[in-house]
Amino acid sequence: MNGRPRKHSLTLRGHRTSVSLEDDFWDAFREIAVQEGRAINDLAAEIDETRGEDCGLASAIRLFVLRRLRAL
């Protein structure tokens, strides 16, 4: 198991960006998107729009995944 974050490219509202996430978080994020029938980019854009200024996108995605898994 590798706990180091790896960069992943996303397109948010037409703009390319990269997010560094650990493989486990990235896999869980993909699974959630599939379960919801949504594209990863759309889900990431929604998270990006709702995160506070004091929270980076990678952290916001991690928190989203954590909250979703806790809700199960």
C-alpha atoms as a PDB file:
ATOM      1  CA  MET A   1       0.000   0.000   0.000  1.00  0.00           C
ATOM      2  CA  ASN A   2       1.358   3.386  -1.002  1.00  0.00           C
ATOM      3  CA  GLY A   3       0.175   6.292   1.130  1.00  0.00           C
ATOM      4  CA  ARG A   4       1.805   8.978  -0.980  1.00  0.00           C
ATOM      5  CA  PRO A   5      -0.520  11.309  -2.857  1.00  0.00           C
ATOM      6  CA  ARG A   6      -0.388  11.203  -6.651  1.00  0.00           C
ATOM      7  CA  LYS A   7      -1.457  13.951  -9.008  1.00  0.00           C
ATOM      8  CA  HIS A   8      -4.619  13.451 -11.024  1.00  0.00           C
ATOM      9  CA  SER A   9      -5.853  15.815 -13.716  1.00  0.00           C
ATOM     10  CA  LEU A  10      -9.383  17.204 -13.612  1.00  0.00           C
ATOM     11  CA  THR A  11     -11.314  19.696 -15.698  1.00  0.00           C
ATOM     12  CA  LEU A  12     -13.479  22.022 -13.639  1.00  0.00           C
ATOM     13  CA  ARG A  13     -15.815  24.264 -15.602  1.00  0.00           C
ATOM     14  CA  GLY A  14     -13.528  24.120 -18.625  1.00  0.00           C
ATOM     15  CA  HIS A  15     -10.275  24.706 -16.738  1.00  0.00           C
ATOM     16  CA  ARG A  16      -7.635  22.027 -16.204  1.00  0.00           C
ATOM     17  CA  THR A  17      -6.305  21.508 -12.702  1.00  0.00           C
ATOM     18  CA  SER A  18      -4.498  18.781 -10.828  1.00  0.00           C
ATOM     19  CA  VAL A  19      -5.331  17.298  -7.463  1.00  0.00           C
ATOM     20  CA  SER A  20      -3.004  15.187  -5.342  1.00  0.00           C
ATOM     21  CA  LEU A  21      -4.838  12.328  -3.659  1.00  0.00           C
ATOM     22  CA  GLU A  22      -3.830   8.989  -2.218  1.00  0.00           C
ATOM     23  CA  ASP A  23      -4.912   6.034  -4.367  1.00  0.00           C
ATOM     24  CA  ASP A  24      -7.492   4.869  -1.811  1.00  0.00           C
ATOM     25  CA  PHE A  25      -9.216   8.264  -1.783  1.00  0.00           C
ATOM     26  CA  TRP A  26      -9.104   8.497  -5.567  1.00  0.00           C
ATOM     27  CA  ASP A  27     -10.613   4.997  -5.919  1.00  0.00           C
ATOM     28  CA  ALA A  28     -13.383   5.789  -3.425  1.00  0.00           C
ATOM     29  CA  PHE A  29     -14.093   9.104  -5.163  1.00  0.00           C
ATOM     30  CA  ARG A  30     -14.448   7.297  -8.514  1.00  0.00           C
ATOM     31  CA  GLU A  31     -16.760   4.695  -6.951  1.00  0.00           C
ATOM     32  CA  ILE A  32     -19.013   7.416  -5.525  1.00  0.00           C
ATOM     33  CA  ALA A  33     -19.184   9.129  -8.925  1.00  0.00           C
ATOM     34  CA  VAL A  34     -20.141   5.835 -10.594  1.00  0.00           C
ATOM     35  CA  GLN A  35     -22.786   5.123  -7.941  1.00  0.00           C
ATOM     36  CA  GLU A  36     -24.296   8.549  -8.570  1.00  0.00           C
ATOM     37  CA  GLY A  37     -24.064   8.209 -12.347  1.00  0.00           C
ATOM     38  CA  ARG A  38     -21.915  11.324 -12.549  1.00  0.00           C
ATOM     39  CA  ALA A  39     -18.637  12.225 -14.165  1.00  0.00           C
ATOM     40  CA  ILE A  40     -15.675  12.715 -11.835  1.00  0.00           C
ATOM     41  CA  ASN A  41     -15.142  16.224 -13.203  1.00  0.00           C
ATOM     42  CA  ASP A  42     -18.748  17.238 -12.468  1.00  0.00           C
ATOM     43  CA  LEU A  43     -18.601  15.910  -8.934  1.00  0.00           C
ATOM     44  CA  ALA A  44     -15.245  17.617  -8.315  1.00  0.00           C
ATOM     45  CA  ALA A  45     -16.626  20.890  -9.699  1.00  0.00           C
ATOM     46  CA  GLU A  46     -19.562  20.719  -7.280  1.00  0.00           C
ATOM     47  CA  ILE A  47     -17.207  20.079  -4.357  1.00  0.00           C
ATOM     48  CA  ASP A  48     -14.996  22.931  -5.532  1.00  0.00           C
ATOM     49  CA  GLU A  49     -17.951  25.334  -5.614  1.00  0.00           C
ATOM     50  CA  THR A  50     -19.090  24.472  -2.106  1.00  0.00           C
ATOM     51  CA  ARG A  51     -15.741  24.305  -0.302  1.00  0.00           C
ATOM     52  CA  GLY A  52     -14.649  27.175   1.853  1.00  0.00           C
ATOM     53  CA  GLU A  53     -11.712  29.407   1.051  1.00  0.00           C
ATOM     54  CA  ASP A  54      -9.741  27.842   3.896  1.00  0.00           C
ATOM     55  CA  CYS A  55      -9.961  24.334   2.395  1.00  0.00           C
ATOM     56  CA  GLY A  56      -8.015  23.130  -0.629  1.00  0.00           C
ATOM     57  CA  LEU A  57      -9.699  21.009  -3.286  1.00  0.00           C
ATOM     58  CA  ALA A  58      -7.802  17.830  -2.367  1.00  0.00           C
ATOM     59  CA  SER A  59      -8.786  18.207   1.285  1.00  0.00           C
ATOM     60  CA  ALA A  60     -12.379  18.943   0.299  1.00  0.00           C
ATOM     61  CA  ILE A  61     -12.505  15.749  -1.782  1.00  0.00           C
ATOM     62  CA  ARG A  62     -11.040  13.708   1.079  1.00  0.00           C
ATOM     63  CA  LEU A  63     -13.653  15.117   3.470  1.00  0.00           C
ATOM     64  CA  PHE A  64     -16.420  14.435   0.939  1.00  0.00           C
ATOM     65  CA  VAL A  65     -15.311  10.789   0.637  1.00  0.00           C
ATOM     66  CA  LEU A  66     -14.981  10.408   4.414  1.00  0.00           C
ATOM     67  CA  ARG A  67     -18.435  11.860   5.061  1.00  0.00           C
ATOM     68  CA  ARG A  68     -19.986   9.693   2.377  1.00  0.00           C
ATOM     69  CA  LEU A  69     -18.418   6.529   3.812  1.00  0.00           C
ATOM     70  CA  ARG A  70     -19.450   7.445   7.353  1.00  0.00           C
ATOM     71  CA  ALA A  71     -23.035   7.855   6.184  1.00  0.00           C
ATOM     72  CA  LEU A  72     -23.209   4.193   5.098  1.00  0.00           C
END
